[in-house]
């Protein structure tokens, strides 16, 4: 579980997103960040018992900075109003697929996959989906996957309007070949964030995704 004070800090930061406020409340931030780090480490340890690819990772290797890159953004707020962790083999900068936890009061979610891969990696994955579509469709159609995620994220930002070059429109895998990111997420309520079952439930959420993670990483290798 996460501490109520950590949720309160992120809510307060969203209302007071400026450097002077942040500097004044830095000790509260440090405590909140440590709370999230402890949660992420527990999550890695729990999930790593069944997914050995992430066993041994340190939470700090997976957590993102709270500072925003505002150089090319119209939104000049200096800080994120969330904590996030990308739990991949090799840590957050890895090119491989992995798990993700987004902690933002009122908008938290858990899941993972492969987000915004480089063109050559996306090409490898599409080829693997095309060649092994029966296996892939079995993974995303599995009862456990469906019960947790329903379906892969088909948001417009992650999907081409047409089948990519080199594939026929009537390809059985066409709808999946259009994907630019292959991810699945489920929402996490604020009530769940405060639950003693948070680590176990999130680990189960991740493990429902592990067959897809393995399929993607096999393609990238």
C-alpha atoms as a PDB file:
ATOM      1  CA  UNK A   1       0.000   0.000   0.000  1.00  0.00           C
ATOM      2  CA  UNK A   2       0.964   3.641  -0.374  1.00  0.00           C
ATOM      3  CA  UNK A   3       0.715   6.232   2.383  1.00  0.00           C
ATOM      4  CA  UNK A   4      -2.181   8.746   2.430  1.00  0.00           C
ATOM      5  CA  UNK A   5       0.426  11.488   2.841  1.00  0.00           C
ATOM      6  CA  UNK A   6       1.960  10.497  -0.510  1.00  0.00           C
ATOM      7  CA  UNK A   7      -1.389  10.862  -2.266  1.00  0.00           C
ATOM      8  CA  UNK A   8      -1.902  14.207  -0.525  1.00  0.00           C
ATOM      9  CA  UNK A   9       1.499  15.454  -1.679  1.00  0.00           C
ATOM     10  CA  UNK A  10       0.715  14.744  -5.337  1.00  0.00           C
ATOM     11  CA  UNK A  11      -2.693  16.404  -5.035  1.00  0.00           C
ATOM     12  CA  UNK A  12      -1.115  19.467  -3.420  1.00  0.00           C
ATOM     13  CA  UNK A  13       1.625  19.570  -6.067  1.00  0.00           C
ATOM     14  CA  UNK A  14      -0.964  19.598  -8.834  1.00  0.00           C
ATOM     15  CA  UNK A  15      -2.520  22.712  -7.274  1.00  0.00           C
ATOM     16  CA  UNK A  16       0.820  24.413  -6.542  1.00  0.00           C
ATOM     17  CA  UNK A  17       3.069  23.435  -9.436  1.00  0.00           C
ATOM     18  CA  UNK A  18       5.883  25.954  -9.099  1.00  0.00           C
ATOM     19  CA  UNK A  19       9.474  25.869  -7.883  1.00  0.00           C
ATOM     20  CA  UNK A  20       9.033  28.054  -4.797  1.00  0.00           C
ATOM     21  CA  UNK A  21       6.272  25.810  -3.425  1.00  0.00           C
ATOM     22  CA  UNK A  22       8.214  22.676  -4.293  1.00  0.00           C
ATOM     23  CA  UNK A  23      11.391  23.903  -2.629  1.00  0.00           C
ATOM     24  CA  UNK A  24       9.430  24.748   0.516  1.00  0.00           C
ATOM     25  CA  UNK A  25       7.897  21.252   0.559  1.00  0.00           C
ATOM     26  CA  UNK A  26      10.975  19.303  -0.540  1.00  0.00           C
ATOM     27  CA  UNK A  27      11.135  17.225   2.678  1.00  0.00           C
ATOM     28  CA  UNK A  28       7.531  16.127   2.043  1.00  0.00           C
ATOM     29  CA  UNK A  29       8.466  15.265  -1.541  1.00  0.00           C
ATOM     30  CA  UNK A  30      11.463  13.199  -0.408  1.00  0.00           C
ATOM     31  CA  UNK A  31       9.262  11.246   1.989  1.00  0.00           C
ATOM     32  CA  UNK A  32       6.630  10.661  -0.706  1.00  0.00           C
ATOM     33  CA  UNK A  33       9.213   9.566  -3.268  1.00  0.00           C
ATOM     34  CA  UNK A  34      10.731   7.133  -0.760  1.00  0.00           C
ATOM     35  CA  UNK A  35       7.277   5.696  -0.090  1.00  0.00           C
ATOM     36  CA  UNK A  36       6.771   5.107  -3.821  1.00  0.00           C
ATOM     37  CA  UNK A  37      10.273   3.658  -4.148  1.00  0.00           C
ATOM     38  CA  UNK A  38       9.539   1.157  -1.369  1.00  0.00           C
ATOM     39  CA  UNK A  39       6.317   0.136  -3.118  1.00  0.00           C
ATOM     40  CA  UNK A  40       8.078  -0.320  -6.467  1.00  0.00           C
ATOM     41  CA  UNK A  41      10.799  -2.446  -4.849  1.00  0.00           C
ATOM     42  CA  UNK A  42       8.210  -4.684  -3.199  1.00  0.00           C
ATOM     43  CA  UNK A  43       6.471  -4.991  -6.551  1.00  0.00           C
ATOM     44  CA  UNK A  44       9.712  -5.959  -8.318  1.00  0.00           C
ATOM     45  CA  UNK A  45      10.556  -8.517  -5.634  1.00  0.00           C
ATOM     46  CA  UNK A  46       7.076 -10.059  -5.780  1.00  0.00           C
ATOM     47  CA  UNK A  47       6.781 -10.180  -9.571  1.00  0.00           C
ATOM     48  CA  UNK A  48      10.413 -11.220 -10.010  1.00  0.00           C
ATOM     49  CA  UNK A  49       9.706 -14.523  -8.274  1.00  0.00           C
ATOM     50  CA  UNK A  50       7.811 -15.589 -11.404  1.00  0.00           C
ATOM     51  CA  UNK A  51       9.343 -13.308 -14.032  1.00  0.00           C
ATOM     52  CA  UNK A  52      13.078 -13.789 -13.601  1.00  0.00           C
ATOM     53  CA  UNK A  53      13.842 -11.205 -16.312  1.00  0.00           C
ATOM     54  CA  UNK A  54      13.153  -8.422 -13.797  1.00  0.00           C
ATOM     55  CA  UNK A  55      14.414 -10.149 -10.669  1.00  0.00           C
ATOM     56  CA  UNK A  56      17.238  -8.186  -9.111  1.00  0.00           C
ATOM     57  CA  UNK A  57      16.188  -4.812 -10.470  1.00  0.00           C
ATOM     58  CA  UNK A  58      16.411  -1.856  -8.114  1.00  0.00           C
ATOM     59  CA  UNK A  59      13.444   0.499  -7.888  1.00  0.00           C
ATOM     60  CA  UNK A  60      15.639   3.534  -8.564  1.00  0.00           C
ATOM     61  CA  UNK A  61      16.616   2.021 -11.927  1.00  0.00           C
ATOM     62  CA  UNK A  62      12.951   2.052 -12.912  1.00  0.00           C
ATOM     63  CA  UNK A  63      11.572   5.311 -11.518  1.00  0.00           C
ATOM     64  CA  UNK A  64      11.202   8.500 -13.533  1.00  0.00           C
ATOM     65  CA  UNK A  65      12.243  11.963 -12.404  1.00  0.00           C
ATOM     66  CA  UNK A  66       9.484  14.273 -11.222  1.00  0.00           C
ATOM     67  CA  UNK A  67      10.907  17.196 -13.209  1.00  0.00           C
ATOM     68  CA  UNK A  68       9.233  17.816 -16.567  1.00  0.00           C
ATOM     69  CA  UNK A  69      11.129  18.588 -19.762  1.00  0.00           C
ATOM     70  CA  UNK A  70       9.487  21.884 -20.670  1.00  0.00           C
ATOM     71  CA  UNK A  71      11.855  22.942 -23.474  1.00  0.00           C
ATOM     72  CA  UNK A  72       9.414  22.136 -26.281  1.00  0.00           C
ATOM     73  CA  UNK A  73       6.148  22.155 -24.339  1.00  0.00           C
ATOM     74  CA  UNK A  74       3.496  24.851 -24.112  1.00  0.00           C
ATOM     75  CA  UNK A  75       2.817  23.613 -20.585  1.00  0.00           C
ATOM     76  CA  UNK A  76       5.557  25.224 -18.507  1.00  0.00           C
ATOM     77  CA  UNK A  77       4.638  23.575 -15.187  1.00  0.00           C
ATOM     78  CA  UNK A  78       8.045  22.379 -13.909  1.00  0.00           C
ATOM     79  CA  UNK A  79       6.887  19.169 -12.212  1.00  0.00           C
ATOM     80  CA  UNK A  80       4.848  16.087 -13.011  1.00  0.00           C
ATOM     81  CA  UNK A  81       1.852  15.508 -10.754  1.00  0.00           C
ATOM     82  CA  UNK A  82       2.565  11.772 -10.726  1.00  0.00           C
ATOM     83  CA  UNK A  83       5.151   9.137  -9.918  1.00  0.00           C
ATOM     84  CA  UNK A  84       5.925   6.516 -12.544  1.00  0.00           C
ATOM     85  CA  UNK A  85       8.019   3.378 -12.835  1.00  0.00           C
ATOM     86  CA  UNK A  86       8.926   1.357 -15.920  1.00  0.00           C
ATOM     87  CA  UNK A  87       9.948  -2.119 -14.778  1.00  0.00           C
ATOM     88  CA  UNK A  88      11.807  -3.604 -17.753  1.00  0.00           C
ATOM     89  CA  UNK A  89      14.801  -5.877 -18.050  1.00  0.00           C
ATOM     90  CA  UNK A  90      17.612  -3.349 -18.003  1.00  0.00           C
ATOM     91  CA  UNK A  91      15.541  -0.676 -16.263  1.00  0.00           C
ATOM     92  CA  UNK A  92      13.544   2.299 -17.508  1.00  0.00           C
ATOM     93  CA  UNK A  93      15.882   3.081 -20.435  1.00  0.00           C
ATOM     94  CA  UNK A  94      15.690  -0.429 -21.850  1.00  0.00           C
ATOM     95  CA  UNK A  95      14.415  -0.988 -25.402  1.00  0.00           C
ATOM     96  CA  UNK A  96      12.615  -4.136 -24.246  1.00  0.00           C
ATOM     97  CA  UNK A  97       8.964  -4.482 -23.322  1.00  0.00           C
ATOM     98  CA  UNK A  98       8.065  -4.448 -19.664  1.00  0.00           C
ATOM     99  CA  UNK A  99       5.654  -3.354 -16.955  1.00  0.00           C
ATOM    100  CA  UNK A 100       4.549   0.138 -15.998  1.00  0.00           C
ATOM    101  CA  UNK A 101       2.908   1.656 -12.931  1.00  0.00           C
ATOM    102  CA  UNK A 102       1.527   5.186 -13.060  1.00  0.00           C
ATOM    103  CA  UNK A 103       0.654   6.732  -9.700  1.00  0.00           C
ATOM    104  CA  UNK A 104      -1.505   9.837 -10.032  1.00  0.00           C
ATOM    105  CA  UNK A 105      -4.472  10.441  -7.718  1.00  0.00           C
ATOM    106  CA  UNK A 106      -7.639   9.976  -9.743  1.00  0.00           C
ATOM    107  CA  UNK A 107      -5.730   8.681 -12.777  1.00  0.00           C
ATOM    108  CA  UNK A 108      -3.532   5.757 -11.728  1.00  0.00           C
ATOM    109  CA  UNK A 109      -3.049   2.679 -13.891  1.00  0.00           C
ATOM    110  CA  UNK A 110      -0.939  -0.450 -14.242  1.00  0.00           C
ATOM    111  CA  UNK A 111       0.054  -2.649 -17.153  1.00  0.00           C
ATOM    112  CA  UNK A 112       2.765  -2.394 -19.764  1.00  0.00           C
ATOM    113  CA  UNK A 113       3.969  -3.622 -23.115  1.00  0.00           C
ATOM    114  CA  UNK A 114       6.093  -1.833 -25.710  1.00  0.00           C
ATOM    115  CA  UNK A 115       5.556   1.924 -25.988  1.00  0.00           C
ATOM    116  CA  UNK A 116       6.759   4.016 -28.960  1.00  0.00           C
ATOM    117  CA  UNK A 117       9.505   1.647 -30.149  1.00  0.00           C
ATOM    118  CA  UNK A 118      12.126   2.634 -32.700  1.00  0.00           C
ATOM    119  CA  UNK A 119      11.031   1.898 -36.299  1.00  0.00           C
ATOM    120  CA  UNK A 120      13.377  -1.083 -36.653  1.00  0.00           C
ATOM    121  CA  UNK A 121      12.048  -2.634 -33.436  1.00  0.00           C
ATOM    122  CA  UNK A 122       8.432  -2.056 -34.458  1.00  0.00           C
ATOM    123  CA  UNK A 123       9.184  -3.722 -37.784  1.00  0.00           C
ATOM    124  CA  UNK A 124      10.586  -6.778 -35.971  1.00  0.00           C
ATOM    125  CA  UNK A 125       7.495  -7.000 -33.786  1.00  0.00           C
ATOM    126  CA  UNK A 126       5.084  -6.670 -36.702  1.00  0.00           C
ATOM    127  CA  UNK A 127       6.916  -9.434 -38.519  1.00  0.00           C
ATOM    128  CA  UNK A 128       6.670 -11.679 -35.462  1.00  0.00           C
ATOM    129  CA  UNK A 129       2.936 -10.975 -35.134  1.00  0.00           C
ATOM    130  CA  UNK A 130       2.450 -11.753 -38.830  1.00  0.00           C
ATOM    131  CA  UNK A 131       4.486 -14.971 -38.742  1.00  0.00           C
ATOM    132  CA  UNK A 132       3.120 -16.196 -35.403  1.00  0.00           C
ATOM    133  CA  UNK A 133      -0.381 -14.759 -35.418  1.00  0.00           C
ATOM    134  CA  UNK A 134      -2.047 -17.857 -33.971  1.00  0.00           C
ATOM    135  CA  UNK A 135       0.272 -17.644 -30.966  1.00  0.00           C
ATOM    136  CA  UNK A 136      -0.176 -13.875 -30.627  1.00  0.00           C
ATOM    137  CA  UNK A 137      -3.972 -13.997 -30.902  1.00  0.00           C
ATOM    138  CA  UNK A 138      -3.982 -16.760 -28.289  1.00  0.00           C
ATOM    139  CA  UNK A 139      -2.045 -14.521 -25.898  1.00  0.00           C
ATOM    140  CA  UNK A 140      -4.247 -11.437 -26.241  1.00  0.00           C
ATOM    141  CA  UNK A 141      -7.362 -13.614 -26.333  1.00  0.00           C
ATOM    142  CA  UNK A 142      -6.469 -15.617 -23.226  1.00  0.00           C
ATOM    143  CA  UNK A 143      -9.055 -15.620 -20.447  1.00  0.00           C
ATOM    144  CA  UNK A 144      -6.628 -14.203 -17.867  1.00  0.00           C
ATOM    145  CA  UNK A 145      -5.477 -11.395 -20.163  1.00  0.00           C
ATOM    146  CA  UNK A 146      -9.048 -10.507 -21.115  1.00  0.00           C
ATOM    147  CA  UNK A 147     -10.258 -10.531 -17.526  1.00  0.00           C
ATOM    148  CA  UNK A 148      -7.601  -8.000 -16.498  1.00  0.00           C
ATOM    149  CA  UNK A 149      -7.172  -5.799 -19.573  1.00  0.00           C
ATOM    150  CA  UNK A 150     -10.008  -6.568 -21.947  1.00  0.00           C
ATOM    151  CA  UNK A 151      -7.988  -5.667 -25.034  1.00  0.00           C
ATOM    152  CA  UNK A 152      -4.827  -3.932 -26.194  1.00  0.00           C
ATOM    153  CA  UNK A 153      -4.961  -0.153 -26.189  1.00  0.00           C
ATOM    154  CA  UNK A 154      -6.273   0.960 -29.593  1.00  0.00           C
ATOM    155  CA  UNK A 155      -6.285   4.693 -28.905  1.00  0.00           C
ATOM    156  CA  UNK A 156      -5.871   6.837 -32.005  1.00  0.00           C
ATOM    157  CA  UNK A 157      -2.432   7.987 -30.894  1.00  0.00           C
ATOM    158  CA  UNK A 158      -1.217   4.383 -30.914  1.00  0.00           C
ATOM    159  CA  UNK A 159      -2.863   3.215 -34.153  1.00  0.00           C
ATOM    160  CA  UNK A 160      -2.295   3.756 -37.865  1.00  0.00           C
ATOM    161  CA  UNK A 161      -5.320   4.417 -40.047  1.00  0.00           C
ATOM    162  CA  UNK A 162      -4.071   1.869 -42.600  1.00  0.00           C
ATOM    163  CA  UNK A 163      -2.151  -1.379 -42.584  1.00  0.00           C
ATOM    164  CA  UNK A 164       1.590  -0.561 -42.778  1.00  0.00           C
ATOM    165  CA  UNK A 165       3.471  -0.900 -46.045  1.00  0.00           C
ATOM    166  CA  UNK A 166       4.384  -4.481 -46.889  1.00  0.00           C
ATOM    167  CA  UNK A 167       1.189  -6.045 -45.542  1.00  0.00           C
ATOM    168  CA  UNK A 168      -2.108  -6.716 -47.297  1.00  0.00           C
ATOM    169  CA  UNK A 169      -5.279  -5.054 -45.928  1.00  0.00           C
ATOM    170  CA  UNK A 170      -6.927  -8.485 -45.609  1.00  0.00           C
ATOM    171  CA  UNK A 171      -4.097  -9.890 -43.471  1.00  0.00           C
ATOM    172  CA  UNK A 172      -5.702 -11.739 -40.499  1.00  0.00           C
ATOM    173  CA  UNK A 173      -3.437  -9.741 -38.169  1.00  0.00           C
ATOM    174  CA  UNK A 174      -4.208  -6.403 -39.853  1.00  0.00           C
ATOM    175  CA  UNK A 175      -5.744  -4.686 -36.818  1.00  0.00           C
ATOM    176  CA  UNK A 176      -2.700  -5.544 -34.699  1.00  0.00           C
ATOM    177  CA  UNK A 177      -0.203  -4.649 -37.424  1.00  0.00           C
ATOM    178  CA  UNK A 178      -1.623  -1.111 -37.383  1.00  0.00           C
ATOM    179  CA  UNK A 179      -0.489  -0.598 -33.792  1.00  0.00           C
ATOM    180  CA  UNK A 180       2.425   1.792 -33.223  1.00  0.00           C
ATOM    181  CA  UNK A 181       2.609   0.831 -29.534  1.00  0.00           C
ATOM    182  CA  UNK A 182       1.558  -2.535 -28.150  1.00  0.00           C
ATOM    183  CA  UNK A 183       0.336  -1.834 -24.632  1.00  0.00           C
ATOM    184  CA  UNK A 184      -2.424  -2.792 -22.219  1.00  0.00           C
ATOM    185  CA  UNK A 185      -3.418  -0.967 -19.042  1.00  0.00           C
ATOM    186  CA  UNK A 186      -6.008  -1.234 -16.311  1.00  0.00           C
ATOM    187  CA  UNK A 187      -7.088   1.615 -14.031  1.00  0.00           C
ATOM    188  CA  UNK A 188      -6.117   1.630 -10.353  1.00  0.00           C
ATOM    189  CA  UNK A 189      -8.470   3.462  -8.012  1.00  0.00           C
ATOM    190  CA  UNK A 190      -7.369   5.674  -5.143  1.00  0.00           C
ATOM    191  CA  UNK A 191      -8.963   3.143  -2.797  1.00  0.00           C
ATOM    192  CA  UNK A 192      -6.734   0.413  -4.246  1.00  0.00           C
ATOM    193  CA  UNK A 193      -3.658   2.613  -3.742  1.00  0.00           C
ATOM    194  CA  UNK A 194      -4.316   2.555   0.005  1.00  0.00           C
ATOM    195  CA  UNK A 195      -5.076  -1.163   0.139  1.00  0.00           C
ATOM    196  CA  UNK A 196      -2.746  -3.654   1.805  1.00  0.00           C
ATOM    197  CA  UNK A 197      -3.374  -5.854  -1.244  1.00  0.00           C
ATOM    198  CA  UNK A 198      -1.876  -3.309  -3.666  1.00  0.00           C
ATOM    199  CA  UNK A 199       1.431  -5.128  -4.204  1.00  0.00           C
ATOM    200  CA  UNK A 200      -0.189  -8.534  -4.712  1.00  0.00           C
ATOM    201  CA  UNK A 201      -2.939  -7.238  -6.979  1.00  0.00           C
ATOM    202  CA  UNK A 202      -0.546  -5.182  -9.078  1.00  0.00           C
ATOM    203  CA  UNK A 203       1.848  -8.111  -9.374  1.00  0.00           C
ATOM    204  CA  UNK A 204      -1.033 -10.284 -10.611  1.00  0.00           C
ATOM    205  CA  UNK A 205      -1.917  -7.515 -13.081  1.00  0.00           C
ATOM    206  CA  UNK A 206       1.653  -7.594 -14.387  1.00  0.00           C
ATOM    207  CA  UNK A 207       1.840 -11.378 -14.587  1.00  0.00           C
ATOM    208  CA  UNK A 208      -1.333 -11.488 -16.696  1.00  0.00           C
ATOM    209  CA  UNK A 209       0.722  -9.491 -19.215  1.00  0.00           C
ATOM    210  CA  UNK A 210       3.923 -11.556 -19.012  1.00  0.00           C
ATOM    211  CA  UNK A 211       3.130 -13.873 -21.984  1.00  0.00           C
ATOM    212  CA  UNK A 212       2.760 -10.793 -24.189  1.00  0.00           C
ATOM    213  CA  UNK A 213       5.958  -9.270 -22.777  1.00  0.00           C
ATOM    214  CA  UNK A 214       7.826 -12.491 -23.562  1.00  0.00           C
ATOM    215  CA  UNK A 215       6.417 -12.596 -27.100  1.00  0.00           C
ATOM    216  CA  UNK A 216       7.464  -8.989 -27.781  1.00  0.00           C
ATOM    217  CA  UNK A 217      10.955  -9.416 -26.342  1.00  0.00           C
ATOM    218  CA  UNK A 218      11.502 -12.592 -28.354  1.00  0.00           C
ATOM    219  CA  UNK A 219      10.778 -10.548 -31.480  1.00  0.00           C
ATOM    220  CA  UNK A 220      13.183  -7.787 -30.441  1.00  0.00           C
ATOM    221  CA  UNK A 221      16.000 -10.250 -29.818  1.00  0.00           C
END
